[in-house]
Structure formats: C-alpha cells, structure tokens
Amino acid sequence: MGEFSRMEVCAVACAEAFRGDGEILASPMGAVPAVGVRLARATFEPDLLLTDGVAALIANNPPVGGPGAAARVVEGQMHYRAVFDLVWWGRRHVMMGASQIDRFGNQNIACLGDPARPKVQLLGMRGAPGNTINHTTSYFVPDHSPRVFVEQVDVVSGVGYDRAAKLGAQASRFHEIRVVITDLGVFDFKTPTRAMRLASVHPGVSVEEVVEKTGFSLVVPEAVPETRAPTEVELRLLREVIDPEGITRGAP
C-alpha cells in the first residue's frame, strides 16, 4: 500500500482540517470531504458528530458511495430545526466547495458574471453566508485554476476575513476560514493581513505550479512543506472501509 493517489492525499488533508474539533457537528459537502471526515472519525477525532445527510446522527463510518453506504448505525436525531441551534453557537465545521474564492477567503457559489445578468447560474447563496459568520468553514476545490482562485469574486456567498472584520466583533466572533484544500495543495490565512497563504504542496506539485494557477498574489513562505502522505493504516481504512468504491483513487 505504499503508493497513493493525489485524491487520497486530499482526503487525508480534509481529515486533518477537523483535527482538534472534538464533539461538534462535521458537515462535509461532496465525496472527498465526506471521505475525509470519516477518516478523521476513524482515527484521531472519534467524537465528531456526523449525520446521514437527512435527519439522523450516525455512530459508525459507513463507506461513501456503493451499497454499503446504507449500513448506518443511528445514535440520535438531528432534525432541520435543531441544526440552527448548532450553527448559531459555533458548534459546527462545514467543508464546502467554491466556484470562486479570493485572497481573503470570500467565496462564490451563486453565479458567474454580473449578478444582475449572470452568464452562469450556480447553486445560489445556499447556507454560505450563515455558515461563514456563525462557525468554522473550510473549502475543498478539486480543480485548482485561475478561474476559481480569482482577484475578486463576482458575488460573495461565503464571507471572507476582510468583510467579516468590517462587520464588527459580534459578526466575526465565530468566523474562521480554516483551510482551503485543492488538488495542488493546502492553503490557510495565518498571515497578519489574513491573506491566503500556501501552507503545503501535495507530493509531486511545485510551488511554481501553484502560483501559476492562482489568479492573485499568494503569500508564499520561504520554505513550503509537503502535504503529509497517508499512513499505511489510513490507506487501509480508505481502501477497505471508507472508500471501497475508489472515489479517491481516480486521480494518480
């Protein structure tokens, strides 16, 4: 099991995003984040709460995709009305996608082009404004490109650090854009200005490639580490338990 795919590295990075969260609701949006959260629960964050995507909290880590995904063990109820109690008090960490994201973490999943006459209609605002103001948010972008990492988003769905600061202390008390994970690397906002920083590059990726595919000026440390590879235990869990369908093995 020594060899691993780029998406398996991404799944481990997604898991690492939840390290230290403890007993909060983890809400992964998309297949790779869902694999990552289950991996975190199966290893270093067993207290994470996870729903079945509807209204039940599940005690086990059923595989993502395939017939085994239905093999859930229900440990409680999480009705829609109860989610807001967690959202408003910061007891949730969501990992969303981003059609566009800028240097301060403002995210767009609503539309492309002028909002009055958009060229492309996307998902809409969805829960992004409330998520980003009320609890920890991370992003997973499977295809890192200048079209996604832009100087300025066309419309703000998820609130970034610059806008949260302008809203004041009450609005930003739970605001945290923890990490952005892509197929090239991991990014955070641990800079004095809260501008996006290149935290690590995935194995086989160069800093130059990341800079070239980013549509704004990244903060790049003098020494950029490599994103950690999956351990043998993690690879076994991914391939035999959490992702037997091979969702994260599709890319070399």
C-alpha atoms as a PDB file:
ATOM      1  CA  MET A   1       0.000   0.000   0.000  1.00  0.00           C
ATOM      2  CA  GLY A   2       2.983   2.304  -0.268  1.00  0.00           C
ATOM      3  CA  GLU A   3       1.727   4.149  -3.380  1.00  0.00           C
ATOM      4  CA  PHE A   4      -1.171   6.569  -3.133  1.00  0.00           C
ATOM      5  CA  SER A   5      -3.194   8.859  -5.381  1.00  0.00           C
ATOM      6  CA  ARG A   6      -3.413  12.646  -5.296  1.00  0.00           C
ATOM      7  CA  MET A   7      -7.034  12.428  -4.150  1.00  0.00           C
ATOM      8  CA  GLU A   8      -6.066  10.147  -1.270  1.00  0.00           C
ATOM      9  CA  VAL A   9      -3.667  12.897  -0.176  1.00  0.00           C
ATOM     10  CA  CYS A  10      -6.576  15.340  -0.463  1.00  0.00           C
ATOM     11  CA  ALA A  11      -8.760  13.067   1.669  1.00  0.00           C
ATOM     12  CA  VAL A  12      -6.100  12.997   4.391  1.00  0.00           C
ATOM     13  CA  ALA A  13      -5.797  16.801   4.193  1.00  0.00           C
ATOM     14  CA  CYS A  14      -9.580  17.054   4.566  1.00  0.00           C
ATOM     15  CA  ALA A  15      -9.383  14.830   7.630  1.00  0.00           C
ATOM     16  CA  GLU A  16      -6.615  16.995   9.088  1.00  0.00           C
ATOM     17  CA  ALA A  17      -8.839  20.063   8.733  1.00  0.00           C
ATOM     18  CA  PHE A  18     -11.022  18.614  11.503  1.00  0.00           C
ATOM     19  CA  ARG A  19      -8.171  17.764  13.878  1.00  0.00           C
ATOM     20  CA  GLY A  20      -8.822  19.180  17.330  1.00  0.00           C
ATOM     21  CA  ASP A  21     -12.508  19.930  16.711  1.00  0.00           C
ATOM     22  CA  GLY A  22     -13.795  17.415  19.256  1.00  0.00           C
ATOM     23  CA  GLU A  23     -17.531  16.985  19.751  1.00  0.00           C
ATOM     24  CA  ILE A  24     -19.015  19.235  17.075  1.00  0.00           C
ATOM     25  CA  LEU A  25     -21.139  18.612  14.010  1.00  0.00           C
ATOM     26  CA  ALA A  26     -18.967  17.917  10.956  1.00  0.00           C
ATOM     27  CA  SER A  27     -20.731  18.734   7.689  1.00  0.00           C
ATOM     28  CA  PRO A  28     -18.783  17.641   4.602  1.00  0.00           C
ATOM     29  CA  MET A  29     -20.191  18.697   1.229  1.00  0.00           C
ATOM     30  CA  GLY A  30     -19.037  16.372  -1.531  1.00  0.00           C
ATOM     31  CA  ALA A  31     -17.463  12.957  -1.818  1.00  0.00           C
ATOM     32  CA  VAL A  32     -13.826  13.697  -0.941  1.00  0.00           C
ATOM     33  CA  PRO A  33     -14.696  15.818   2.143  1.00  0.00           C
ATOM     34  CA  ALA A  34     -17.108  13.060   3.232  1.00  0.00           C
ATOM     35  CA  VAL A  35     -14.296  10.516   2.958  1.00  0.00           C
ATOM     36  CA  GLY A  36     -12.008  12.865   4.897  1.00  0.00           C
ATOM     37  CA  VAL A  37     -14.443  13.357   7.787  1.00  0.00           C
ATOM     38  CA  ARG A  38     -14.998   9.618   8.118  1.00  0.00           C
ATOM     39  CA  LEU A  39     -11.236   9.103   8.140  1.00  0.00           C
ATOM     40  CA  ALA A  40     -10.851  11.683  10.915  1.00  0.00           C
ATOM     41  CA  ARG A  41     -13.579   9.958  12.960  1.00  0.00           C
ATOM     42  CA  ALA A  42     -11.987   6.554  12.422  1.00  0.00           C
ATOM     43  CA  THR A  43      -8.588   7.773  13.638  1.00  0.00           C
ATOM     44  CA  PHE A  44      -7.863  10.929  15.648  1.00  0.00           C
ATOM     45  CA  GLU A  45     -11.290  12.639  16.056  1.00  0.00           C
ATOM     46  CA  PRO A  46     -13.749   9.947  17.251  1.00  0.00           C
ATOM     47  CA  ASP A  47     -16.084  12.474  18.922  1.00  0.00           C
ATOM     48  CA  LEU A  48     -17.106  14.262  15.719  1.00  0.00           C
ATOM     49  CA  LEU A  49     -20.846  14.179  15.086  1.00  0.00           C
ATOM     50  CA  LEU A  50     -21.926  13.129  11.601  1.00  0.00           C
ATOM     51  CA  THR A  51     -25.361  12.926  10.044  1.00  0.00           C
ATOM     52  CA  ASP A  52     -26.641  10.592   7.350  1.00  0.00           C
ATOM     53  CA  GLY A  53     -27.390  13.651   5.229  1.00  0.00           C
ATOM     54  CA  VAL A  54     -31.041  13.693   6.264  1.00  0.00           C
ATOM     55  CA  ALA A  55     -32.104  13.764   9.916  1.00  0.00           C
ATOM     56  CA  ALA A  56     -30.159  11.118  11.833  1.00  0.00           C
ATOM     57  CA  LEU A  57     -26.824  11.182  13.642  1.00  0.00           C
ATOM     58  CA  ILE A  58     -24.813   8.083  12.830  1.00  0.00           C
ATOM     59  CA  ALA A  59     -22.444   6.280  15.170  1.00  0.00           C
ATOM     60  CA  ASN A  60     -20.467   4.388  12.544  1.00  0.00           C
ATOM     61  CA  ASN A  61     -18.448   5.434   9.494  1.00  0.00           C
ATOM     62  CA  PRO A  62     -20.303   3.825   6.585  1.00  0.00           C
ATOM     63  CA  PRO A  63     -18.491   3.831   3.249  1.00  0.00           C
ATOM     64  CA  VAL A  64     -19.058   6.737   0.889  1.00  0.00           C
ATOM     65  CA  GLY A  65     -20.920   5.517  -2.193  1.00  0.00           C
ATOM     66  CA  GLY A  66     -21.842   1.991  -3.136  1.00  0.00           C
ATOM     67  CA  PRO A  67     -24.326  -0.380  -1.476  1.00  0.00           C
ATOM     68  CA  GLY A  68     -22.536  -0.295   1.883  1.00  0.00           C
ATOM     69  CA  ALA A  69     -23.357   3.393   2.332  1.00  0.00           C
ATOM     70  CA  ALA A  70     -26.802   2.423   3.603  1.00  0.00           C
ATOM     71  CA  ALA A  71     -25.345   0.430   6.517  1.00  0.00           C
ATOM     72  CA  ARG A  72     -25.754   3.202   9.073  1.00  0.00           C
ATOM     73  CA  VAL A  73     -25.960   2.896  12.851  1.00  0.00           C
ATOM     74  CA  VAL A  74     -28.278   5.622  14.162  1.00  0.00           C
ATOM     75  CA  GLU A  75     -27.317   7.162  17.506  1.00  0.00           C
ATOM     76  CA  GLY A  76     -29.639  10.159  17.591  1.00  0.00           C
ATOM     77  CA  GLN A  77     -31.796  12.595  15.680  1.00  0.00           C
ATOM     78  CA  MET A  78     -30.687  15.813  14.002  1.00  0.00           C
ATOM     79  CA  HIS A  79     -33.817  17.417  12.609  1.00  0.00           C
ATOM     80  CA  TYR A  80     -33.520  20.502  10.443  1.00  0.00           C
ATOM     81  CA  ARG A  81     -34.745  22.821  13.196  1.00  0.00           C
ATOM     82  CA  ALA A  82     -32.010  21.564  15.549  1.00  0.00           C
ATOM     83  CA  VAL A  83     -29.215  22.365  13.102  1.00  0.00           C
ATOM     84  CA  PHE A  84     -29.651  26.096  13.667  1.00  0.00           C
ATOM     85  CA  ASP A  85     -29.012  25.721  17.391  1.00  0.00           C
ATOM     86  CA  LEU A  86     -25.583  24.367  16.491  1.00  0.00           C
ATOM     87  CA  VAL A  87     -24.988  26.831  13.673  1.00  0.00           C
ATOM     88  CA  TRP A  88     -25.689  29.936  15.759  1.00  0.00           C
ATOM     89  CA  TRP A  89     -23.378  28.843  18.576  1.00  0.00           C
ATOM     90  CA  GLY A  90     -20.386  27.856  16.516  1.00  0.00           C
ATOM     91  CA  ARG A  91     -20.686  24.109  17.187  1.00  0.00           C
ATOM     92  CA  ARG A  92     -20.246  23.088  13.561  1.00  0.00           C
ATOM     93  CA  HIS A  93     -17.490  22.827  10.967  1.00  0.00           C
ATOM     94  CA  VAL A  94     -18.636  22.705   7.364  1.00  0.00           C
ATOM     95  CA  MET A  95     -16.449  21.918   4.360  1.00  0.00           C
ATOM     96  CA  MET A  96     -17.990  23.412   1.246  1.00  0.00           C
ATOM     97  CA  GLY A  97     -16.983  23.835  -2.370  1.00  0.00           C
ATOM     98  CA  ALA A  98     -16.157  27.078  -4.149  1.00  0.00           C
ATOM     99  CA  SER A  99     -16.776  28.149  -7.729  1.00  0.00           C
ATOM    100  CA  GLN A 100     -14.661  31.222  -6.978  1.00  0.00           C
ATOM    101  CA  ILE A 101     -12.560  32.222  -3.987  1.00  0.00           C
ATOM    102  CA  ASP A 102     -10.348  35.255  -3.416  1.00  0.00           C
ATOM    103  CA  ARG A 103      -7.259  36.068  -1.341  1.00  0.00           C
ATOM    104  CA  PHE A 104      -9.274  36.789   1.823  1.00  0.00           C
ATOM    105  CA  GLY A 105     -11.500  33.727   1.582  1.00  0.00           C
ATOM    106  CA  ASN A 106     -14.609  35.319   0.082  1.00  0.00           C
ATOM    107  CA  GLN A 107     -16.370  32.503  -1.745  1.00  0.00           C
ATOM    108  CA  ASN A 108     -18.873  32.387  -4.592  1.00  0.00           C
ATOM    109  CA  ILE A 109     -21.247  29.534  -5.386  1.00  0.00           C
ATOM    110  CA  ALA A 110     -24.128  31.725  -6.635  1.00  0.00           C
ATOM    111  CA  CYS A 111     -23.399  32.851 -10.195  1.00  0.00           C
ATOM    112  CA  LEU A 112     -20.681  33.922 -12.619  1.00  0.00           C
ATOM    113  CA  GLY A 113     -20.680  37.366 -14.184  1.00  0.00           C
ATOM    114  CA  ASP A 114     -22.769  40.385 -13.275  1.00  0.00           C
ATOM    115  CA  PRO A 115     -25.302  39.235 -10.637  1.00  0.00           C
ATOM    116  CA  ALA A 116     -27.963  41.354 -12.376  1.00  0.00           C
ATOM    117  CA  ARG A 117     -27.436  39.393 -15.622  1.00  0.00           C
ATOM    118  CA  PRO A 118     -25.279  36.378 -14.791  1.00  0.00           C
ATOM    119  CA  LYS A 119     -23.518  34.427 -17.506  1.00  0.00           C
ATOM    120  CA  VAL A 120     -23.875  31.226 -15.478  1.00  0.00           C
ATOM    121  CA  GLN A 121     -26.352  30.482 -12.694  1.00  0.00           C
ATOM    122  CA  LEU A 122     -24.855  28.233  -9.999  1.00  0.00           C
ATOM    123  CA  LEU A 123     -26.224  26.877  -6.712  1.00  0.00           C
ATOM    124  CA  GLY A 124     -27.267  30.207  -5.213  1.00  0.00           C
ATOM    125  CA  MET A 125     -26.230  31.571  -1.839  1.00  0.00           C
ATOM    126  CA  ARG A 126     -27.445  28.434  -0.053  1.00  0.00           C
ATOM    127  CA  GLY A 127     -26.223  28.434   3.573  1.00  0.00           C
ATOM    128  CA  ALA A 128     -22.843  30.011   2.848  1.00  0.00           C
ATOM    129  CA  PRO A 129     -23.430  33.447   4.468  1.00  0.00           C
ATOM    130  CA  GLY A 130     -24.708  31.947   7.722  1.00  0.00           C
ATOM    131  CA  ASN A 131     -22.118  29.191   7.752  1.00  0.00           C
ATOM    132  CA  THR A 132     -19.152  31.511   7.420  1.00  0.00           C
ATOM    133  CA  ILE A 133     -20.355  34.013  10.009  1.00  0.00           C
ATOM    134  CA  ASN A 134     -21.502  31.514  12.618  1.00  0.00           C
ATOM    135  CA  HIS A 135     -18.976  28.677  12.655  1.00  0.00           C
ATOM    136  CA  THR A 136     -15.786  27.247  11.196  1.00  0.00           C
ATOM    137  CA  THR A 137     -15.738  26.785   7.428  1.00  0.00           C
ATOM    138  CA  SER A 138     -13.238  25.067   5.143  1.00  0.00           C
ATOM    139  CA  TYR A 139     -13.291  24.581   1.376  1.00  0.00           C
ATOM    140  CA  PHE A 140     -12.383  21.757  -0.988  1.00  0.00           C
ATOM    141  CA  VAL A 141     -11.664  22.639  -4.624  1.00  0.00           C
ATOM    142  CA  PRO A 142     -10.863  19.582  -6.801  1.00  0.00           C
ATOM    143  CA  ASP A 143      -9.503  21.587  -9.758  1.00  0.00           C
ATOM    144  CA  HIS A 144      -7.203  24.468  -8.820  1.00  0.00           C
ATOM    145  CA  SER A 145      -7.196  27.121 -11.557  1.00  0.00           C
ATOM    146  CA  PRO A 146      -7.132  30.912 -12.065  1.00  0.00           C
ATOM    147  CA  ARG A 147     -10.837  30.741 -12.885  1.00  0.00           C
ATOM    148  CA  VAL A 148     -11.532  29.600  -9.319  1.00  0.00           C
ATOM    149  CA  PHE A 149      -8.784  31.461  -7.443  1.00  0.00           C
ATOM    150  CA  VAL A 150      -9.677  34.975  -8.555  1.00  0.00           C
ATOM    151  CA  GLU A 151      -8.701  38.517  -7.622  1.00  0.00           C
ATOM    152  CA  GLN A 152     -12.316  39.336  -6.793  1.00  0.00           C
ATOM    153  CA  VAL A 153     -15.336  37.023  -6.671  1.00  0.00           C
ATOM    154  CA  ASP A 154     -18.319  38.004  -8.834  1.00  0.00           C
ATOM    155  CA  VAL A 155     -20.673  37.773  -5.863  1.00  0.00           C
ATOM    156  CA  VAL A 156     -19.967  36.978  -2.202  1.00  0.00           C
ATOM    157  CA  SER A 157     -21.687  33.862  -0.912  1.00  0.00           C
ATOM    158  CA  GLY A 158     -19.274  32.893   1.870  1.00  0.00           C
ATOM    159  CA  VAL A 159     -17.861  35.785   3.900  1.00  0.00           C
ATOM    160  CA  GLY A 160     -14.074  36.206   3.910  1.00  0.00           C
ATOM    161  CA  TYR A 161     -11.807  37.739   6.533  1.00  0.00           C
ATOM    162  CA  ASP A 162     -11.843  41.294   5.149  1.00  0.00           C
ATOM    163  CA  ARG A 163     -15.640  41.513   5.078  1.00  0.00           C
ATOM    164  CA  ALA A 164     -16.051  39.786   8.448  1.00  0.00           C
ATOM    165  CA  ALA A 165     -13.724  42.378  10.024  1.00  0.00           C
ATOM    166  CA  LYS A 166     -15.843  45.210   8.627  1.00  0.00           C
ATOM    167  CA  LEU A 167     -18.970  43.674  10.166  1.00  0.00           C
ATOM    168  CA  GLY A 168     -17.508  44.006  13.658  1.00  0.00           C
ATOM    169  CA  ALA A 169     -16.774  41.752  16.615  1.00  0.00           C
ATOM    170  CA  GLN A 170     -20.306  40.390  17.007  1.00  0.00           C
ATOM    171  CA  ALA A 171     -20.399  39.141  13.419  1.00  0.00           C
ATOM    172  CA  SER A 172     -16.886  37.718  13.472  1.00  0.00           C
ATOM    173  CA  ARG A 173     -16.842  36.014  16.898  1.00  0.00           C
ATOM    174  CA  PHE A 174     -17.215  32.529  15.372  1.00  0.00           C
ATOM    175  CA  HIS A 175     -15.858  33.378  11.922  1.00  0.00           C
ATOM    176  CA  GLU A 176     -12.992  31.115  10.869  1.00  0.00           C
ATOM    177  CA  ILE A 177     -11.974  30.078   7.377  1.00  0.00           C
ATOM    178  CA  ARG A 178      -9.659  27.306   8.479  1.00  0.00           C
ATOM    179  CA  VAL A 179      -8.212  25.836   5.281  1.00  0.00           C
ATOM    180  CA  VAL A 180      -8.737  25.615   1.551  1.00  0.00           C
ATOM    181  CA  ILE A 181      -7.728  22.249   0.107  1.00  0.00           C
ATOM    182  CA  THR A 182      -7.236  21.715  -3.619  1.00  0.00           C
ATOM    183  CA  ASP A 183      -5.722  19.108  -5.902  1.00  0.00           C
ATOM    184  CA  LEU A 184      -2.446  21.067  -5.660  1.00  0.00           C
ATOM    185  CA  GLY A 185      -2.056  21.929  -2.003  1.00  0.00           C
ATOM    186  CA  VAL A 186      -3.387  23.247   1.294  1.00  0.00           C
ATOM    187  CA  PHE A 187      -3.940  26.946   1.974  1.00  0.00           C
ATOM    188  CA  ASP A 188      -4.697  28.899   5.129  1.00  0.00           C
ATOM    189  CA  PHE A 189      -4.993  32.501   6.297  1.00  0.00           C
ATOM    190  CA  LYS A 190      -2.330  32.590   9.009  1.00  0.00           C
ATOM    191  CA  THR A 191      -0.916  35.923   7.929  1.00  0.00           C
ATOM    192  CA  PRO A 192      -1.016  39.393   9.528  1.00  0.00           C
ATOM    193  CA  THR A 193      -3.442  40.658   6.877  1.00  0.00           C
ATOM    194  CA  ARG A 194      -5.439  37.398   6.746  1.00  0.00           C
ATOM    195  CA  ALA A 195      -4.463  36.983   3.096  1.00  0.00           C
ATOM    196  CA  MET A 196      -4.322  33.433   1.758  1.00  0.00           C
ATOM    197  CA  ARG A 197      -1.069  31.580   2.382  1.00  0.00           C
ATOM    198  CA  LEU A 198       0.311  28.472   0.738  1.00  0.00           C
ATOM    199  CA  ALA A 199       0.584  26.091   3.702  1.00  0.00           C
ATOM    200  CA  SER A 200       1.761  22.980   1.823  1.00  0.00           C
ATOM    201  CA  VAL A 201       2.042  21.483  -1.647  1.00  0.00           C
ATOM    202  CA  HIS A 202       0.941  17.940  -2.389  1.00  0.00           C
ATOM    203  CA  PRO A 203       3.582  15.354  -3.349  1.00  0.00           C
ATOM    204  CA  GLY A 204       4.658  15.908  -6.955  1.00  0.00           C
ATOM    205  CA  VAL A 205       3.432  19.522  -7.084  1.00  0.00           C
ATOM    206  CA  SER A 206       5.781  22.514  -7.255  1.00  0.00           C
ATOM    207  CA  VAL A 207       5.290  25.920  -5.674  1.00  0.00           C
ATOM    208  CA  GLU A 208       5.674  27.443  -9.150  1.00  0.00           C
ATOM    209  CA  GLU A 209       2.738  25.403 -10.467  1.00  0.00           C
ATOM    210  CA  VAL A 210       0.515  26.591  -7.619  1.00  0.00           C
ATOM    211  CA  VAL A 211       1.482  30.243  -8.146  1.00  0.00           C
ATOM    212  CA  GLU A 212       0.902  29.954 -11.893  1.00  0.00           C
ATOM    213  CA  LYS A 213      -2.597  28.552 -11.396  1.00  0.00           C
ATOM    214  CA  THR A 214      -3.666  31.162  -8.826  1.00  0.00           C
ATOM    215  CA  GLY A 215      -5.256  34.368 -10.087  1.00  0.00           C
ATOM    216  CA  PHE A 216      -3.951  36.559  -7.269  1.00  0.00           C
ATOM    217  CA  SER A 217      -0.738  37.013  -5.331  1.00  0.00           C
ATOM    218  CA  LEU A 218      -0.421  34.262  -2.740  1.00  0.00           C
ATOM    219  CA  VAL A 219       1.588  34.586   0.442  1.00  0.00           C
ATOM    220  CA  VAL A 220       4.345  32.036  -0.095  1.00  0.00           C
ATOM    221  CA  PRO A 221       6.639  31.202   2.847  1.00  0.00           C
ATOM    222  CA  GLU A 222      10.363  30.823   2.289  1.00  0.00           C
ATOM    223  CA  ALA A 223      10.079  27.074   2.851  1.00  0.00           C
ATOM    224  CA  VAL A 224       6.839  25.356   1.846  1.00  0.00           C
ATOM    225  CA  PRO A 225       6.397  21.865   3.312  1.00  0.00           C
ATOM    226  CA  GLU A 226       4.881  18.903   1.537  1.00  0.00           C
ATOM    227  CA  THR A 227       1.373  17.802   2.480  1.00  0.00           C
ATOM    228  CA  ARG A 228       1.679  14.660   4.530  1.00  0.00           C
ATOM    229  CA  ALA A 229       1.086  11.356   2.782  1.00  0.00           C
ATOM    230  CA  PRO A 230      -1.448   8.796   4.025  1.00  0.00           C
ATOM    231  CA  THR A 231      -0.128   6.319   6.572  1.00  0.00           C
ATOM    232  CA  GLU A 232      -0.450   2.584   5.984  1.00  0.00           C
ATOM    233  CA  VAL A 233      -3.338   2.491   8.478  1.00  0.00           C
ATOM    234  CA  GLU A 234      -5.094   5.370   6.699  1.00  0.00           C
ATOM    235  CA  LEU A 235      -4.656   3.750   3.291  1.00  0.00           C
ATOM    236  CA  ARG A 236      -6.174   0.530   4.588  1.00  0.00           C
ATOM    237  CA  LEU A 237      -9.133   2.415   6.073  1.00  0.00           C
ATOM    238  CA  LEU A 238      -9.618   4.397   2.883  1.00  0.00           C
ATOM    239  CA  ARG A 239      -9.469   1.430   0.521  1.00  0.00           C
ATOM    240  CA  GLU A 240     -11.153  -1.261   2.580  1.00  0.00           C
ATOM    241  CA  VAL A 241     -13.606   0.568   4.869  1.00  0.00           C
ATOM    242  CA  ILE A 242     -14.391   4.188   3.967  1.00  0.00           C
ATOM    243  CA  ASP A 243     -13.874   4.347   0.196  1.00  0.00           C
ATOM    244  CA  PRO A 244     -14.038   0.812  -1.207  1.00  0.00           C
ATOM    245  CA  GLU A 245     -15.599   2.192  -4.422  1.00  0.00           C
ATOM    246  CA  GLY A 246     -12.347   4.059  -5.139  1.00  0.00           C
ATOM    247  CA  ILE A 247     -13.660   7.629  -5.270  1.00  0.00           C
ATOM    248  CA  THR A 248     -10.276   8.934  -4.089  1.00  0.00           C
ATOM    249  CA  ARG A 249      -8.229   6.597  -6.281  1.00  0.00           C
ATOM    250  CA  GLY A 250      -9.426   8.052  -9.575  1.00  0.00           C
ATOM    251  CA  ALA A 251      -6.539  10.519  -9.986  1.00  0.00           C
ATOM    252  CA  PRO A 252      -2.864   9.470  -9.928  1.00  0.00           C
END
